[in-house]
């Protein structure tokens, strides 16, 4: 029985072509980002536009890099990342999003993107890679732990949006 389930799991795996994203992928990247926002129960949170992705990722001073996974020439996943610096470790890379379109989940495409990101980081010689995962995303947590990643449960993510920045900078001291 185990042999049959291993064989069945292997049948579900699909080889994707992994490549660096190009400017022409921008609209598809935005679609994937919006799909992720729906999955994370925040469908109205995405404010970036295609032009932002084009400028921020493929302009004169790119702020991010991205791998895409294609099957039959269609983009079905992405791994978007950017450099950071750790005062303790030195250069690091931050994986902002690892997204596979819903219809292609469970076929090994996310693993292929994850491996491409790790390979890129290793080749660059960075000392650490990092990313965030929602505490309710149990499949992702199990995947990352199985890969050897460490979940830092004693750290909380802190964010401040543009409105909060404005309010902070313009508060009157009494």
N, C-alpha and C. Protein backbone atom coordinates (compact mmCIF):
# COMPACT_ATOMS: atom_id res chain seq x y z
N UNK A 1 0.83 -1.20 0.00
CA UNK A 1 0.00 0.00 0.00
C UNK A 1 0.86 1.26 0.00
N UNK A 2 1.92 1.28 0.81
CA UNK A 2 2.80 2.43 0.88
C UNK A 2 3.42 2.70 -0.48
N UNK A 3 3.81 1.63 -1.16
CA UNK A 3 4.43 1.78 -2.47
C UNK A 3 3.47 2.47 -3.44
N UNK A 4 2.20 2.11 -3.40
CA UNK A 4 1.21 2.73 -4.28
C UNK A 4 1.02 4.21 -3.95
N UNK A 5 1.04 4.57 -2.66
CA UNK A 5 0.87 5.98 -2.31
C UNK A 5 2.09 6.80 -2.69
N UNK A 6 3.29 6.21 -2.61
CA UNK A 6 4.50 6.91 -3.06
C UNK A 6 4.42 7.13 -4.56
N UNK A 7 3.99 6.09 -5.30
CA UNK A 7 3.86 6.20 -6.75
C UNK A 7 2.83 7.27 -7.11
N UNK A 8 1.72 7.30 -6.38
CA UNK A 8 0.68 8.30 -6.64
C UNK A 8 1.22 9.70 -6.37
N UNK A 9 1.99 9.86 -5.32
CA UNK A 9 2.57 11.17 -5.01
C UNK A 9 3.52 11.61 -6.11
N UNK A 10 4.29 10.69 -6.66
CA UNK A 10 5.20 11.02 -7.74
C UNK A 10 4.45 11.41 -9.00
N UNK A 11 3.30 10.81 -9.23
CA UNK A 11 2.51 11.15 -10.41
C UNK A 11 2.01 12.59 -10.35
N UNK A 12 1.77 13.09 -9.14
CA UNK A 12 1.26 14.44 -8.98
C UNK A 12 2.34 15.50 -9.22
N UNK A 13 3.61 15.12 -9.25
CA UNK A 13 4.69 16.08 -9.42
C UNK A 13 4.79 16.47 -10.89
N UNK A 14 5.08 17.72 -11.12
CA UNK A 14 5.16 18.24 -12.47
C UNK A 14 6.44 19.06 -12.59
N UNK A 15 7.15 18.86 -13.65
CA UNK A 15 8.37 19.62 -13.89
C UNK A 15 8.00 20.95 -14.53
N UNK A 16 8.36 22.02 -13.87
CA UNK A 16 8.13 23.36 -14.40
C UNK A 16 9.46 23.93 -14.89
N UNK A 17 9.38 24.89 -15.75
CA UNK A 17 10.56 25.64 -16.17
C UNK A 17 10.69 26.82 -15.20
N UNK A 18 11.81 26.91 -14.52
CA UNK A 18 12.05 28.01 -13.58
C UNK A 18 13.00 28.99 -14.26
N UNK A 19 12.60 30.25 -14.30
CA UNK A 19 13.43 31.28 -14.91
C UNK A 19 13.27 32.59 -14.15
N UNK A 20 14.17 33.54 -14.40
CA UNK A 20 14.02 34.87 -13.81
C UNK A 20 12.85 35.57 -14.50
N UNK A 21 12.09 36.30 -13.72
CA UNK A 21 10.97 37.06 -14.26
C UNK A 21 11.49 38.19 -15.14
N UNK A 22 10.70 38.57 -16.11
CA UNK A 22 11.00 39.70 -16.99
C UNK A 22 9.84 40.70 -16.91
N UNK A 23 10.09 41.90 -17.40
CA UNK A 23 9.09 42.99 -17.35
C UNK A 23 7.73 42.52 -17.89
N UNK A 24 7.76 41.73 -18.95
CA UNK A 24 6.51 41.27 -19.58
C UNK A 24 5.70 40.35 -18.67
N UNK A 25 6.29 39.87 -17.59
CA UNK A 25 5.57 39.03 -16.63
C UNK A 25 4.79 39.85 -15.60
N UNK A 26 4.94 41.16 -15.61
CA UNK A 26 4.41 42.00 -14.53
C UNK A 26 2.92 41.82 -14.27
N UNK A 27 2.09 41.80 -15.31
CA UNK A 27 0.65 41.63 -15.11
C UNK A 27 0.34 40.28 -14.48
N UNK A 28 1.05 39.24 -14.91
CA UNK A 28 0.85 37.91 -14.34
C UNK A 28 1.31 37.87 -12.89
N UNK A 29 2.41 38.54 -12.58
CA UNK A 29 2.88 38.61 -11.19
C UNK A 29 1.81 39.26 -10.32
N UNK A 30 1.21 40.34 -10.80
CA UNK A 30 0.16 41.00 -10.04
C UNK A 30 -1.04 40.07 -9.83
N UNK A 31 -1.39 39.29 -10.85
CA UNK A 31 -2.49 38.33 -10.70
C UNK A 31 -2.18 37.31 -9.61
N UNK A 32 -0.94 36.82 -9.59
CA UNK A 32 -0.54 35.86 -8.55
C UNK A 32 -0.58 36.51 -7.16
N UNK A 33 -0.12 37.75 -7.07
CA UNK A 33 -0.15 38.48 -5.79
C UNK A 33 -1.59 38.64 -5.31
N UNK A 34 -2.49 38.96 -6.21
CA UNK A 34 -3.90 39.10 -5.84
C UNK A 34 -4.50 37.75 -5.43
N UNK A 35 -4.09 36.68 -6.08
CA UNK A 35 -4.56 35.35 -5.69
C UNK A 35 -4.09 35.02 -4.28
N UNK A 36 -2.83 35.37 -3.97
CA UNK A 36 -2.32 35.15 -2.62
C UNK A 36 -3.10 35.98 -1.60
N UNK A 37 -3.41 37.22 -1.93
CA UNK A 37 -4.17 38.07 -1.01
C UNK A 37 -5.53 37.45 -0.69
N UNK A 38 -6.17 36.86 -1.67
CA UNK A 38 -7.45 36.17 -1.42
C UNK A 38 -7.23 34.97 -0.50
N UNK A 39 -6.19 34.19 -0.75
CA UNK A 39 -5.88 33.03 0.08
C UNK A 39 -5.62 33.45 1.52
N UNK A 40 -4.93 34.59 1.70
CA UNK A 40 -4.60 35.07 3.04
C UNK A 40 -5.72 35.91 3.66
N UNK A 41 -6.89 35.89 3.03
CA UNK A 41 -8.10 36.54 3.54
C UNK A 41 -7.97 38.06 3.62
N UNK A 42 -7.20 38.63 2.68
CA UNK A 42 -7.05 40.08 2.60
C UNK A 42 -7.16 40.54 1.14
N UNK A 43 -8.30 40.26 0.50
CA UNK A 43 -8.40 40.54 -0.94
C UNK A 43 -8.28 42.02 -1.31
N UNK A 44 -8.54 42.92 -0.40
CA UNK A 44 -8.48 44.35 -0.71
C UNK A 44 -7.16 45.00 -0.28
N UNK A 45 -6.21 44.22 0.20
CA UNK A 45 -4.97 44.78 0.73
C UNK A 45 -3.94 45.15 -0.34
N UNK A 46 -4.05 44.58 -1.52
CA UNK A 46 -3.06 44.82 -2.57
C UNK A 46 -3.32 46.19 -3.19
N UNK A 47 -2.32 47.08 -3.11
CA UNK A 47 -2.46 48.41 -3.72
C UNK A 47 -1.51 48.62 -4.90
N UNK A 48 -0.54 47.71 -5.08
CA UNK A 48 0.39 47.87 -6.21
C UNK A 48 -0.34 47.64 -7.52
N UNK A 49 0.16 48.29 -8.54
CA UNK A 49 -0.37 48.17 -9.90
C UNK A 49 0.70 47.53 -10.79
N UNK A 50 0.33 47.16 -11.98
CA UNK A 50 1.28 46.59 -12.93
C UNK A 50 2.45 47.54 -13.13
N UNK A 51 2.17 48.83 -13.26
CA UNK A 51 3.25 49.81 -13.46
C UNK A 51 4.22 49.84 -12.29
N UNK A 52 3.73 49.62 -11.07
CA UNK A 52 4.61 49.56 -9.90
C UNK A 52 5.55 48.37 -10.01
N UNK A 53 5.00 47.22 -10.38
CA UNK A 53 5.82 46.02 -10.52
C UNK A 53 6.86 46.23 -11.62
N UNK A 54 6.44 46.81 -12.72
CA UNK A 54 7.38 47.08 -13.82
C UNK A 54 8.51 47.99 -13.35
N UNK A 55 8.17 49.07 -12.67
CA UNK A 55 9.18 50.03 -12.21
C UNK A 55 10.04 49.49 -11.07
N UNK A 56 9.40 48.86 -10.10
CA UNK A 56 10.13 48.41 -8.91
C UNK A 56 10.94 47.15 -9.16
N UNK A 57 10.54 46.34 -10.10
CA UNK A 57 11.26 45.10 -10.35
C UNK A 57 12.14 45.11 -11.58
N UNK A 58 11.80 45.98 -12.53
CA UNK A 58 12.49 45.92 -13.81
C UNK A 58 12.94 47.30 -14.30
N UNK A 59 12.91 48.28 -13.40
CA UNK A 59 13.34 49.63 -13.76
C UNK A 59 14.85 49.77 -13.62
N UNK A 60 15.31 51.01 -13.55
CA UNK A 60 16.75 51.28 -13.50
C UNK A 60 17.39 50.87 -12.18
N UNK A 61 16.61 50.86 -11.10
CA UNK A 61 17.12 50.43 -9.79
C UNK A 61 16.13 49.43 -9.18
N UNK A 62 16.19 48.18 -9.64
CA UNK A 62 15.21 47.18 -9.16
C UNK A 62 15.26 47.00 -7.64
N UNK A 63 14.08 46.91 -7.05
CA UNK A 63 13.95 46.70 -5.61
C UNK A 63 13.76 45.23 -5.26
N UNK A 64 13.46 44.42 -6.26
CA UNK A 64 13.27 42.99 -6.02
C UNK A 64 13.69 42.20 -7.24
N UNK A 65 13.84 40.90 -7.02
CA UNK A 65 14.05 39.94 -8.10
C UNK A 65 12.98 38.87 -7.95
N UNK A 66 12.80 38.11 -9.00
CA UNK A 66 11.72 37.14 -8.95
C UNK A 66 12.02 35.97 -9.89
N UNK A 67 11.77 34.77 -9.39
CA UNK A 67 11.76 33.60 -10.24
C UNK A 67 10.30 33.32 -10.58
N UNK A 68 10.06 32.84 -11.78
CA UNK A 68 8.73 32.37 -12.14
C UNK A 68 8.82 30.92 -12.57
N UNK A 69 7.74 30.21 -12.35
CA UNK A 69 7.60 28.83 -12.81
C UNK A 69 6.61 28.86 -13.96
N UNK A 70 7.01 28.23 -15.07
CA UNK A 70 6.10 28.16 -16.20
C UNK A 70 5.84 26.70 -16.56
N UNK A 71 4.62 26.46 -16.98
CA UNK A 71 4.21 25.16 -17.51
C UNK A 71 3.48 25.46 -18.81
N UNK A 72 3.92 24.85 -19.89
CA UNK A 72 3.34 25.10 -21.22
C UNK A 72 3.34 26.60 -21.52
N UNK A 73 4.44 27.26 -21.17
CA UNK A 73 4.65 28.70 -21.41
C UNK A 73 3.74 29.62 -20.61
N UNK A 74 2.98 29.10 -19.67
CA UNK A 74 2.14 29.93 -18.81
C UNK A 74 2.78 30.03 -17.43
N UNK A 75 2.85 31.24 -16.87
CA UNK A 75 3.39 31.43 -15.53
C UNK A 75 2.39 30.90 -14.52
N UNK A 76 2.84 29.96 -13.68
CA UNK A 76 1.94 29.33 -12.70
C UNK A 76 2.43 29.52 -11.26
N UNK A 77 3.55 30.22 -11.09
CA UNK A 77 4.06 30.46 -9.75
C UNK A 77 5.19 31.45 -9.77
N UNK A 78 5.51 31.95 -8.58
CA UNK A 78 6.60 32.92 -8.46
C UNK A 78 7.23 32.87 -7.08
N UNK A 79 8.49 33.28 -7.02
CA UNK A 79 9.21 33.46 -5.76
C UNK A 79 9.87 34.83 -5.85
N UNK A 80 9.34 35.81 -5.12
CA UNK A 80 9.83 37.18 -5.16
C UNK A 80 10.70 37.42 -3.94
N UNK A 81 11.90 37.98 -4.16
CA UNK A 81 12.84 38.17 -3.06
C UNK A 81 13.66 39.43 -3.26
N UNK A 82 14.34 39.85 -2.19
CA UNK A 82 15.17 41.05 -2.25
C UNK A 82 16.26 40.96 -1.18
N UNK A 83 17.35 41.72 -1.37
CA UNK A 83 18.44 41.68 -0.40
C UNK A 83 18.12 42.47 0.86
N UNK A 84 18.67 42.00 1.97
CA UNK A 84 18.62 42.69 3.27
C UNK A 84 19.99 42.58 3.89
N UNK A 85 20.14 43.23 5.00
CA UNK A 85 21.42 43.16 5.70
C UNK A 85 21.16 42.91 7.18
N UNK A 86 21.81 41.90 7.72
CA UNK A 86 21.71 41.58 9.14
C UNK A 86 22.95 42.12 9.85
N UNK A 87 22.74 42.87 10.91
CA UNK A 87 23.89 43.39 11.66
C UNK A 87 24.66 42.26 12.34
N UNK A 88 24.05 41.11 12.49
CA UNK A 88 24.74 39.97 13.11
C UNK A 88 25.35 39.04 12.07
N UNK A 89 24.72 38.90 10.91
CA UNK A 89 25.14 37.89 9.93
C UNK A 89 25.73 38.47 8.66
N UNK A 90 25.37 39.69 8.31
CA UNK A 90 25.80 40.27 7.05
C UNK A 90 24.71 40.14 6.00
N UNK A 91 25.08 39.95 4.72
CA UNK A 91 24.08 39.91 3.66
C UNK A 91 23.09 38.75 3.83
N UNK A 92 21.84 39.05 3.61
CA UNK A 92 20.78 38.05 3.64
C UNK A 92 19.84 38.30 2.45
N UNK A 93 19.01 37.34 2.17
CA UNK A 93 17.94 37.54 1.19
C UNK A 93 16.61 37.27 1.90
N UNK A 94 15.63 38.09 1.59
CA UNK A 94 14.29 37.93 2.14
C UNK A 94 13.36 37.44 1.04
N UNK A 95 12.72 36.31 1.27
CA UNK A 95 11.71 35.78 0.36
C UNK A 95 10.37 36.42 0.74
N UNK A 96 9.92 37.33 -0.07
CA UNK A 96 8.68 38.04 0.24
C UNK A 96 7.46 37.17 -0.01
N UNK A 97 7.43 36.53 -1.16
CA UNK A 97 6.28 35.68 -1.48
C UNK A 97 6.70 34.48 -2.30
N UNK A 98 6.16 33.34 -1.95
CA UNK A 98 6.27 32.11 -2.73
C UNK A 98 4.83 31.73 -3.06
N UNK A 99 4.47 31.88 -4.32
CA UNK A 99 3.07 31.72 -4.73
C UNK A 99 2.97 30.71 -5.86
N UNK A 100 2.03 29.80 -5.74
CA UNK A 100 1.68 28.90 -6.83
C UNK A 100 0.18 29.03 -7.03
N UNK A 101 -0.23 29.21 -8.28
CA UNK A 101 -1.65 29.35 -8.55
C UNK A 101 -2.41 28.13 -8.04
N UNK A 102 -3.61 28.36 -7.58
CA UNK A 102 -4.41 27.33 -6.92
C UNK A 102 -4.50 26.04 -7.74
N UNK A 103 -4.69 26.17 -9.03
CA UNK A 103 -4.87 24.97 -9.87
C UNK A 103 -3.60 24.13 -9.99
N UNK A 104 -2.45 24.68 -9.61
CA UNK A 104 -1.18 23.96 -9.75
C UNK A 104 -0.58 23.56 -8.40
N UNK A 105 -1.27 23.87 -7.30
CA UNK A 105 -0.75 23.49 -5.98
C UNK A 105 -0.72 21.98 -5.84
N UNK A 106 0.26 21.50 -5.10
CA UNK A 106 0.39 20.07 -4.85
C UNK A 106 1.11 19.31 -5.94
N UNK A 107 1.68 20.01 -6.90
CA UNK A 107 2.36 19.36 -8.02
C UNK A 107 3.89 19.53 -7.95
N UNK A 108 4.39 20.07 -6.84
CA UNK A 108 5.83 20.22 -6.68
C UNK A 108 6.40 21.50 -7.23
N UNK A 109 5.57 22.37 -7.75
CA UNK A 109 6.04 23.62 -8.36
C UNK A 109 6.56 24.58 -7.29
N UNK A 110 5.89 24.66 -6.17
CA UNK A 110 6.37 25.50 -5.07
C UNK A 110 7.75 25.05 -4.58
N UNK A 111 7.94 23.74 -4.52
CA UNK A 111 9.24 23.20 -4.11
C UNK A 111 10.32 23.59 -5.10
N UNK A 112 10.01 23.56 -6.38
CA UNK A 112 10.99 23.94 -7.40
C UNK A 112 11.37 25.42 -7.28
N UNK A 113 10.39 26.28 -7.03
CA UNK A 113 10.67 27.71 -6.83
C UNK A 113 11.49 27.93 -5.56
N UNK A 114 11.12 27.23 -4.50
CA UNK A 114 11.83 27.32 -3.22
C UNK A 114 13.29 26.92 -3.39
N UNK A 115 13.52 25.82 -4.11
CA UNK A 115 14.88 25.36 -4.34
C UNK A 115 15.67 26.35 -5.20
N UNK A 116 15.02 26.97 -6.18
CA UNK A 116 15.70 27.97 -7.02
C UNK A 116 16.13 29.17 -6.17
N UNK A 117 15.25 29.60 -5.26
CA UNK A 117 15.58 30.71 -4.37
C UNK A 117 16.75 30.34 -3.45
N UNK A 118 16.70 29.16 -2.85
CA UNK A 118 17.78 28.74 -1.96
C UNK A 118 19.09 28.62 -2.72
N UNK A 119 19.05 28.06 -3.91
CA UNK A 119 20.25 27.94 -4.75
C UNK A 119 20.83 29.32 -5.06
N UNK A 120 19.97 30.26 -5.40
CA UNK A 120 20.41 31.63 -5.70
C UNK A 120 21.10 32.24 -4.48
N UNK A 121 20.49 32.09 -3.33
CA UNK A 121 21.06 32.64 -2.10
C UNK A 121 22.41 32.00 -1.78
N UNK A 122 22.48 30.70 -1.93
CA UNK A 122 23.71 29.98 -1.63
C UNK A 122 24.82 30.42 -2.59
N UNK A 123 24.49 30.54 -3.87
CA UNK A 123 25.49 30.96 -4.85
C UNK A 123 25.97 32.39 -4.60
N UNK A 124 25.10 33.23 -4.08
CA UNK A 124 25.49 34.61 -3.76
C UNK A 124 26.32 34.69 -2.49
N UNK A 125 26.33 33.64 -1.72
CA UNK A 125 27.13 33.61 -0.51
C UNK A 125 26.49 34.30 0.68
N UNK A 126 25.16 34.49 0.65
CA UNK A 126 24.51 35.12 1.79
C UNK A 126 24.56 34.19 3.00
N UNK A 127 24.52 34.78 4.15
CA UNK A 127 24.64 34.02 5.40
C UNK A 127 23.29 33.51 5.92
N UNK A 128 22.20 34.10 5.40
CA UNK A 128 20.89 33.69 5.92
C UNK A 128 19.83 34.05 4.88
N UNK A 129 18.80 33.24 4.82
CA UNK A 129 17.59 33.60 4.08
C UNK A 129 16.46 33.62 5.10
N UNK A 130 15.46 34.41 4.82
CA UNK A 130 14.36 34.54 5.78
C UNK A 130 13.07 34.89 5.06
N UNK A 131 11.97 34.61 5.73
CA UNK A 131 10.65 34.91 5.21
C UNK A 131 9.67 34.79 6.34
N UNK A 132 8.44 35.18 6.09
CA UNK A 132 7.36 35.08 7.07
C UNK A 132 6.34 34.05 6.60
N UNK A 133 5.65 33.46 7.54
CA UNK A 133 4.56 32.55 7.22
C UNK A 133 3.45 32.79 8.25
N UNK A 134 2.22 32.82 7.78
CA UNK A 134 1.10 33.01 8.70
C UNK A 134 0.98 31.82 9.63
N UNK A 135 0.68 32.09 10.89
CA UNK A 135 0.65 31.01 11.89
C UNK A 135 -0.45 29.99 11.64
N UNK A 136 -1.45 30.30 10.83
CA UNK A 136 -2.51 29.35 10.52
C UNK A 136 -2.23 28.54 9.24
N UNK A 137 -1.15 28.86 8.54
CA UNK A 137 -0.84 28.15 7.29
C UNK A 137 -0.03 26.90 7.59
N UNK A 138 -0.70 25.94 8.19
CA UNK A 138 -0.06 24.71 8.65
C UNK A 138 0.69 23.95 7.54
N UNK A 139 0.12 23.80 6.34
CA UNK A 139 0.87 23.09 5.29
C UNK A 139 2.21 23.77 4.98
N UNK A 140 2.22 25.09 4.91
CA UNK A 140 3.47 25.81 4.62
C UNK A 140 4.45 25.65 5.77
N UNK A 141 3.97 25.75 7.00
CA UNK A 141 4.85 25.59 8.17
C UNK A 141 5.49 24.21 8.16
N UNK A 142 4.70 23.18 7.92
CA UNK A 142 5.24 21.82 7.88
C UNK A 142 6.26 21.67 6.75
N UNK A 143 5.97 22.25 5.60
CA UNK A 143 6.89 22.19 4.46
C UNK A 143 8.23 22.84 4.84
N UNK A 144 8.19 24.03 5.42
CA UNK A 144 9.42 24.74 5.77
C UNK A 144 10.21 23.99 6.85
N UNK A 145 9.52 23.49 7.85
CA UNK A 145 10.21 22.75 8.90
C UNK A 145 10.86 21.48 8.33
N UNK A 146 10.16 20.80 7.45
CA UNK A 146 10.69 19.58 6.84
C UNK A 146 11.94 19.88 6.01
N UNK A 147 12.01 21.09 5.45
CA UNK A 147 13.15 21.46 4.61
C UNK A 147 14.38 21.85 5.43
N UNK A 148 14.21 21.97 6.75
CA UNK A 148 15.35 22.33 7.60
C UNK A 148 15.32 23.77 8.08
N UNK A 149 14.30 24.51 7.69
CA UNK A 149 14.16 25.90 8.14
C UNK A 149 13.71 25.92 9.61
N UNK A 150 14.07 26.98 10.29
CA UNK A 150 13.71 27.16 11.70
C UNK A 150 12.63 28.23 11.82
N UNK A 151 11.53 27.91 12.48
CA UNK A 151 10.50 28.90 12.76
C UNK A 151 10.86 29.58 14.08
N UNK A 152 10.94 30.89 14.04
CA UNK A 152 11.27 31.68 15.24
C UNK A 152 9.96 32.13 15.87
N UNK A 153 9.45 31.35 16.77
CA UNK A 153 8.15 31.62 17.38
C UNK A 153 8.19 32.75 18.40
N UNK A 154 9.38 33.15 18.81
CA UNK A 154 9.47 34.20 19.82
C UNK A 154 9.61 35.60 19.22
N UNK A 155 9.50 35.72 17.91
CA UNK A 155 9.57 37.01 17.23
C UNK A 155 8.20 37.35 16.66
N UNK A 156 7.81 38.60 16.76
CA UNK A 156 6.59 39.08 16.13
C UNK A 156 6.97 40.03 15.01
N UNK A 157 6.24 39.99 13.92
CA UNK A 157 6.45 40.93 12.82
C UNK A 157 5.82 42.26 13.21
N UNK A 158 6.54 43.33 12.97
CA UNK A 158 6.05 44.67 13.26
C UNK A 158 5.96 45.42 11.95
N UNK A 159 4.83 46.06 11.70
CA UNK A 159 4.65 46.83 10.47
C UNK A 159 4.02 48.17 10.78
N UNK A 160 4.26 49.12 9.91
CA UNK A 160 3.62 50.42 10.00
C UNK A 160 3.26 50.82 8.57
N UNK A 161 1.96 51.03 8.31
CA UNK A 161 1.57 51.43 6.95
C UNK A 161 1.75 52.94 6.78
N UNK A 162 1.47 53.42 5.57
CA UNK A 162 1.71 54.82 5.24
C UNK A 162 0.93 55.77 6.14
N UNK A 163 -0.31 55.44 6.44
CA UNK A 163 -1.13 56.29 7.30
C UNK A 163 -0.51 56.36 8.70
N UNK A 164 -0.09 55.22 9.22
CA UNK A 164 0.54 55.21 10.55
C UNK A 164 1.84 55.99 10.55
N UNK A 165 2.62 55.90 9.47
CA UNK A 165 3.86 56.69 9.37
C UNK A 165 3.54 58.17 9.41
N UNK A 166 2.56 58.57 8.63
CA UNK A 166 2.15 59.98 8.59
C UNK A 166 1.72 60.44 9.97
N UNK A 167 0.85 59.66 10.61
CA UNK A 167 0.36 60.02 11.94
C UNK A 167 1.50 60.13 12.94
N UNK A 168 2.43 59.20 12.90
CA UNK A 168 3.56 59.24 13.82
C UNK A 168 4.40 60.48 13.59
N UNK A 169 4.72 60.75 12.34
CA UNK A 169 5.58 61.89 12.02
C UNK A 169 4.92 63.23 12.30
N UNK A 170 3.59 63.25 12.31
CA UNK A 170 2.89 64.50 12.50
C UNK A 170 2.21 64.64 13.86
N UNK A 171 2.53 63.73 14.77
CA UNK A 171 1.91 63.85 16.09
C UNK A 171 2.54 65.03 16.85
N UNK A 172 1.75 65.70 17.59
CA UNK A 172 2.21 66.85 18.38
C UNK A 172 2.73 66.34 19.71
N UNK A 173 3.91 66.77 20.07
CA UNK A 173 4.43 66.39 21.40
C UNK A 173 3.87 67.36 22.43
N UNK A 174 3.47 66.82 23.56
CA UNK A 174 2.88 67.66 24.59
C UNK A 174 3.77 67.82 25.76
